[in-house]
C-alpha atoms as a PDB file:
ATOM      1  CA  MET A   1    -113.746  48.823 -88.132  1.00  0.00           C
ATOM      2  CA  ALA A   2    -111.014  50.275 -86.027  1.00  0.00           C
ATOM      3  CA  GLU A   3    -111.247  53.290 -88.203  1.00  0.00           C
ATOM      4  CA  LYS A   4    -114.988  53.686 -87.913  1.00  0.00           C
ATOM      5  CA  LYS A   5    -114.967  52.838 -84.019  1.00  0.00           C
ATOM      6  CA  ALA A   6    -112.280  56.092 -83.715  1.00  0.00           C
ATOM      7  CA  ASN A   7    -114.437  58.057 -86.252  1.00  0.00           C
ATOM      8  CA  THR A   8    -117.621  57.522 -84.160  1.00  0.00           C
ATOM      9  CA  VAL A   9    -115.667  58.160 -80.874  1.00  0.00           C
ATOM     10  CA  SER A  10    -114.503  61.572 -82.394  1.00  0.00           C
ATOM     11  CA  LEU A  11    -118.108  62.489 -83.364  1.00  0.00           C
ATOM     12  CA  VAL A  12    -119.833  61.872 -80.342  1.00  0.00           C
ATOM     13  CA  TRP A  13    -116.728  63.634 -78.499  1.00  0.00           C
ATOM     14  CA  ASP A  14    -117.503  66.997 -80.576  1.00  0.00           C
ATOM     15  CA  ILE A  15    -121.155  66.708 -79.904  1.00  0.00           C
ATOM     16  CA  ALA A  16    -120.515  65.665 -76.332  1.00  0.00           C
ATOM     17  CA  GLU A  17    -117.994  68.409 -74.790  1.00  0.00           C
ATOM     18  CA  PRO A  18    -120.105  71.364 -75.646  1.00  0.00           C
ATOM     19  CA  ILE A  19    -122.823  69.544 -73.392  1.00  0.00           C
ATOM     20  CA  ALA A  20    -120.680  68.496 -70.509  1.00  0.00           C
ATOM     21  CA  GLU A  21    -119.252  72.288 -70.203  1.00  0.00           C
ATOM     22  CA  LYS A  22    -122.626  73.435 -69.936  1.00  0.00           C
ATOM     23  CA  LEU A  23    -123.368  71.099 -67.086  1.00  0.00           C
ATOM     24  CA  GLY A  24    -120.091  71.967 -65.349  1.00  0.00           C
ATOM     25  CA  LEU A  25    -118.652  68.698 -65.880  1.00  0.00           C
ATOM     26  CA  VAL A  26    -115.119  67.506 -67.792  1.00  0.00           C
ATOM     27  CA  LEU A  27    -115.940  65.156 -70.539  1.00  0.00           C
ATOM     28  CA  TRP A  28    -113.184  62.460 -70.027  1.00  0.00           C
ATOM     29  CA  ASP A  29    -113.150  60.130 -72.406  1.00  0.00           C
ATOM     30  CA  VAL A  30    -115.709  58.380 -75.175  1.00  0.00           C
ATOM     31  CA  ARG A  31    -115.260  55.002 -75.866  1.00  0.00           C
ATOM     32  CA  PHE A  32    -117.616  52.446 -78.595  1.00  0.00           C
ATOM     33  CA  LEU A  33    -116.613  49.323 -77.344  1.00  0.00           C
ATOM     34  CA  LYS A  34    -118.388  45.811 -78.335  1.00  0.00           C
ATOM     35  CA  GLU A  35    -118.861  43.638 -75.530  1.00  0.00           C
ATOM     36  CA  GLY A  36    -119.771  40.008 -76.844  1.00  0.00           C
ATOM     37  CA  SER A  37    -122.729  40.584 -79.343  1.00  0.00           C
ATOM     38  CA  ASN A  38    -123.275  43.937 -78.090  1.00  0.00           C
ATOM     39  CA  TYR A  39    -122.435  47.262 -78.863  1.00  0.00           C
ATOM     40  CA  TYR A  40    -121.727  50.217 -75.527  1.00  0.00           C
ATOM     41  CA  LEU A  41    -121.223  53.867 -76.278  1.00  0.00           C
ATOM     42  CA  ARG A  42    -119.850  55.134 -72.734  1.00  0.00           C
ATOM     43  CA  ILE A  43    -119.477  58.796 -72.246  1.00  0.00           C
ATOM     44  CA  ILE A  44    -117.267  59.488 -69.180  1.00  0.00           C
ATOM     45  CA  ILE A  45    -117.273  62.264 -67.183  1.00  0.00           C
ATOM     46  CA  ASP A  46    -115.351  64.010 -64.576  1.00  0.00           C
ATOM     47  CA  ARG A  47    -115.465  67.265 -62.635  1.00  0.00           C
ATOM     48  CA  ASP A  48    -113.181  69.902 -60.990  1.00  0.00           C
ATOM     49  CA  ASP A  49    -114.669  70.988 -58.343  1.00  0.00           C
ATOM     50  CA  ARG A  50    -116.059  67.837 -56.730  1.00  0.00           C
ATOM     51  CA  PRO A  51    -116.567  63.653 -57.307  1.00  0.00           C
ATOM     52  CA  VAL A  52    -118.799  62.574 -60.101  1.00  0.00           C
ATOM     53  CA  ASP A  53    -122.363  62.068 -58.734  1.00  0.00           C
ATOM     54  CA  ILE A  54    -125.691  59.870 -60.051  1.00  0.00           C
ATOM     55  CA  ASP A  55    -126.993  63.116 -60.534  1.00  0.00           C
ATOM     56  CA  ASP A  56    -124.219  63.964 -62.814  1.00  0.00           C
ATOM     57  CA  CYS A  57    -124.378  60.812 -64.640  1.00  0.00           C
ATOM     58  CA  VAL A  58    -128.451  61.832 -65.081  1.00  0.00           C
ATOM     59  CA  ASN A  59    -128.198  65.276 -66.507  1.00  0.00           C
ATOM     60  CA  MET A  60    -125.229  64.125 -69.107  1.00  0.00           C
ATOM     61  CA  SER A  61    -127.383  61.262 -70.103  1.00  0.00           C
ATOM     62  CA  HIS A  62    -130.672  63.172 -70.389  1.00  0.00           C
ATOM     63  CA  ALA A  63    -128.834  66.260 -72.526  1.00  0.00           C
ATOM     64  CA  ILE A  64    -126.957  64.322 -74.664  1.00  0.00           C
ATOM     65  CA  ASP A  65    -130.063  61.721 -75.683  1.00  0.00           C
ATOM     66  CA  GLY A  66    -131.817  64.305 -78.150  1.00  0.00           C
ATOM     67  CA  PRO A  67    -128.513  65.621 -79.992  1.00  0.00           C
ATOM     68  CA  LEU A  68    -127.138  61.783 -80.446  1.00  0.00           C
ATOM     69  CA  ASP A  69    -130.550  60.692 -81.584  1.00  0.00           C
ATOM     70  CA  GLU A  70    -130.115  63.799 -84.349  1.00  0.00           C
ATOM     71  CA  ALA A  71    -126.947  63.430 -85.384  1.00  0.00           C
ATOM     72  CA  ASP A  72    -127.510  59.384 -85.446  1.00  0.00           C
ATOM     73  CA  PRO A  73    -123.311  58.741 -85.507  1.00  0.00           C
ATOM     74  CA  ILE A  74    -123.846  55.395 -84.654  1.00  0.00           C
ATOM     75  CA  ASP A  75    -125.499  53.229 -87.475  1.00  0.00           C
ATOM     76  CA  THR A  76    -126.021  49.688 -84.885  1.00  0.00           C
ATOM     77  CA  SER A  77    -128.269  49.306 -82.040  1.00  0.00           C
ATOM     78  CA  TYR A  78    -126.169  50.286 -78.913  1.00  0.00           C
ATOM     79  CA  SER A  79    -126.282  50.923 -75.126  1.00  0.00           C
ATOM     80  CA  LEU A  80    -125.720  54.698 -73.907  1.00  0.00           C
ATOM     81  CA  GLN A  81    -123.678  54.987 -70.670  1.00  0.00           C
ATOM     82  CA  VAL A  82    -122.635  57.973 -68.862  1.00  0.00           C
ATOM     83  CA  GLN A  83    -120.250  57.102 -65.874  1.00  0.00           C
ATOM     84  CA  SER A  84    -117.605  58.687 -63.502  1.00  0.00           C
ATOM     85  CA  PRO A  85    -113.896  57.931 -64.642  1.00  0.00           C
ATOM     86  CA  GLY A  86    -113.813  55.951 -61.052  1.00  0.00           C
ATOM     87  CA  ILE A  87    -111.181  55.832 -58.358  1.00  0.00           C
ATOM     88  CA  GLU A  88    -108.668  54.696 -60.317  1.00  0.00           C
ATOM     89  CA  ARG A  89    -108.888  55.939 -63.330  1.00  0.00           C
ATOM     90  CA  GLU A  90    -107.232  55.321 -66.753  1.00  0.00           C
ATOM     91  CA  LEU A  91    -105.159  57.691 -68.184  1.00  0.00           C
ATOM     92  CA  VAL A  92    -105.221  58.156 -71.996  1.00  0.00           C
ATOM     93  CA  ARG A  93    -105.496  60.827 -73.455  1.00  0.00           C
ATOM     94  CA  ASP A  94    -102.811  63.651 -73.289  1.00  0.00           C
ATOM     95  CA  PHE A  95    -104.649  65.948 -71.168  1.00  0.00           C
ATOM     96  CA  HIS A  96    -105.293  63.037 -68.669  1.00  0.00           C
ATOM     97  CA  PHE A  97    -101.461  62.927 -68.285  1.00  0.00           C
ATOM     98  CA  GLU A  98    -100.701  66.728 -68.632  1.00  0.00           C
ATOM     99  CA  LYS A  99    -102.922  67.106 -65.378  1.00  0.00           C
ATOM    100  CA  ASN A 100    -101.777  64.150 -63.512  1.00  0.00           C
ATOM    101  CA  ILE A 101     -98.078  65.096 -63.017  1.00  0.00           C
ATOM    102  CA  GLY A 102     -97.222  64.648 -60.082  1.00  0.00           C
ATOM    103  CA  GLU A 103     -99.527  62.117 -58.910  1.00  0.00           C
ATOM    104  CA  LYS A 104     -98.870  58.263 -57.969  1.00  0.00           C
ATOM    105  CA  VAL A 105    -100.040  55.950 -60.939  1.00  0.00           C
ATOM    106  CA  THR A 106     -99.613  52.069 -61.636  1.00  0.00           C
ATOM    107  CA  VAL A 107     -98.261  51.226 -64.861  1.00  0.00           C
ATOM    108  CA  ARG A 108     -98.864  47.591 -66.594  1.00  0.00           C
ATOM    109  CA  PHE A 109     -96.800  46.930 -69.664  1.00  0.00           C
ATOM    110  CA  ILE A 110     -97.906  44.817 -72.379  1.00  0.00           C
ATOM    111  CA  ARG A 111     -94.333  42.951 -72.658  1.00  0.00           C
ATOM    112  CA  ALA A 112     -91.994  42.933 -69.323  1.00  0.00           C
ATOM    113  CA  LEU A 113     -89.738  45.984 -68.883  1.00  0.00           C
ATOM    114  CA  ASN A 114     -86.874  44.876 -67.228  1.00  0.00           C
ATOM    115  CA  SER A 115     -88.376  41.398 -66.015  1.00  0.00           C
ATOM    116  CA  GLN A 116     -91.538  43.332 -64.611  1.00  0.00           C
ATOM    117  CA  ARG A 117     -95.020  43.704 -66.077  1.00  0.00           C
ATOM    118  CA  GLU A 118     -95.915  46.364 -63.469  1.00  0.00           C
ATOM    119  CA  TYR A 119     -94.836  49.549 -61.759  1.00  0.00           C
ATOM    120  CA  LYS A 120     -95.943  51.739 -59.568  1.00  0.00           C
ATOM    121  CA  GLY A 121     -94.248  55.170 -58.925  1.00  0.00           C
ATOM    122  CA  VAL A 122     -95.194  58.937 -59.334  1.00  0.00           C
ATOM    123  CA  LEU A 123     -95.766  60.202 -63.135  1.00  0.00           C
ATOM    124  CA  SER A 124     -92.817  62.730 -63.666  1.00  0.00           C
ATOM    125  CA  ALA A 125     -93.327  63.685 -67.110  1.00  0.00           C
ATOM    126  CA  TYR A 126     -95.140  64.040 -69.731  1.00  0.00           C
ATOM    127  CA  GLN A 127     -94.700  64.648 -73.221  1.00  0.00           C
ATOM    128  CA  ASN A 128     -95.630  63.716 -77.001  1.00  0.00           C
ATOM    129  CA  GLY A 129     -96.694  60.072 -75.740  1.00  0.00           C
ATOM    130  CA  LYS A 130     -92.786  59.912 -73.598  1.00  0.00           C
ATOM    131  CA  ILE A 131     -93.563  59.210 -69.848  1.00  0.00           C
ATOM    132  CA  SER A 132     -91.591  59.596 -67.365  1.00  0.00           C
ATOM    133  CA  LEU A 133     -92.366  57.343 -64.095  1.00  0.00           C
ATOM    134  CA  THR A 134     -90.285  57.953 -61.050  1.00  0.00           C
ATOM    135  CA  LEU A 135     -90.086  54.750 -59.257  1.00  0.00           C
ATOM    136  CA  PRO A 136     -90.128  54.225 -55.108  1.00  0.00           C
ATOM    137  CA  ASP A 137     -86.318  54.124 -55.128  1.00  0.00           C
ATOM    138  CA  GLY A 138     -86.131  57.525 -57.072  1.00  0.00           C
ATOM    139  CA  GLU A 139     -85.135  55.717 -60.269  1.00  0.00           C
ATOM    140  CA  VAL A 140     -86.915  57.101 -63.125  1.00  0.00           C
ATOM    141  CA  LEU A 141     -88.149  54.909 -65.756  1.00  0.00           C
ATOM    142  CA  GLU A 142     -89.282  55.985 -69.223  1.00  0.00           C
ATOM    143  CA  PHE A 143     -90.920  54.797 -71.626  1.00  0.00           C
ATOM    144  CA  ASN A 144     -93.018  55.257 -74.619  1.00  0.00           C
ATOM    145  CA  LYS A 145     -97.041  55.431 -73.904  1.00  0.00           C
ATOM    146  CA  LYS A 146     -97.756  52.736 -76.237  1.00  0.00           C
ATOM    147  CA  GLU A 147     -95.911  50.110 -74.612  1.00  0.00           C
ATOM    148  CA  ALA A 148     -98.105  50.215 -71.909  1.00  0.00           C
ATOM    149  CA  SER A 149    -101.602  48.041 -71.935  1.00  0.00           C
ATOM    150  CA  TRP A 150    -102.698  50.479 -69.170  1.00  0.00           C
ATOM    151  CA  ILE A 151    -101.650  53.430 -66.858  1.00  0.00           C
ATOM    152  CA  LYS A 152    -104.245  54.139 -63.943  1.00  0.00           C
ATOM    153  CA  LEU A 153    -104.126  56.443 -60.805  1.00  0.00           C
ATOM    154  CA  ASP A 154    -102.944  54.863 -57.836  1.00  0.00           C
ATOM    155  CA  ASP A 155    -105.576  56.367 -55.263  1.00  0.00           C
ATOM    156  CA  PHE A 156    -104.859  53.405 -52.908  1.00  0.00           C
ATOM    157  CA  GLY A 157    -101.238  53.927 -52.286  1.00  0.00           C
ATOM    158  CA  GLY A 158     -99.758  50.585 -52.271  1.00  0.00           C
ATOM    159  CA  PHE A 159     -95.929  51.994 -52.617  1.00  0.00           C
ATOM    160  CA  GLY A 160     -95.201  50.641 -48.724  1.00  0.00           C
ATOM    161  CA  GLU A 161     -96.452  50.778 -45.303  1.00  0.00           C
ATOM    162  CA  ASN A 162     -96.036  54.539 -44.470  1.00  0.00           C
ATOM    163  CA  GLU A 163     -97.833  55.911 -47.521  1.00  0.00           C
END
């Protein structure tokens, strides 16, 4: 089923990306998930010039509805959700990391690294899935993206009282 989900995401991405661009949006991510007994197709959009608002989500939803129905890439009942990546956006795709070099992030590891599962620092480098995180004390932590449960922008700070 994982390959089917990946294929679904890829097909929807190919449909959604040009529509998003035409609307002045950036396609941030596409996720096809099963939660409980329900399936959800989440199209996550962003903007370079300002935060995403409800009108952006509505416009994208209306614009993609017909092309999705026509292409019919999903053979089960699902709910379409168009949303913003949010303030603590999760970094998943290569372009997410490349775009956010120099930004503060929080990383949660699958397994503890140096007896700790969560780190905060500055995303200092990214190449081919290899991440460098500069910690507040200046130490550089290097790891593979696959070792992390998630990596999110840390727009709320949390590096110390002065920041």
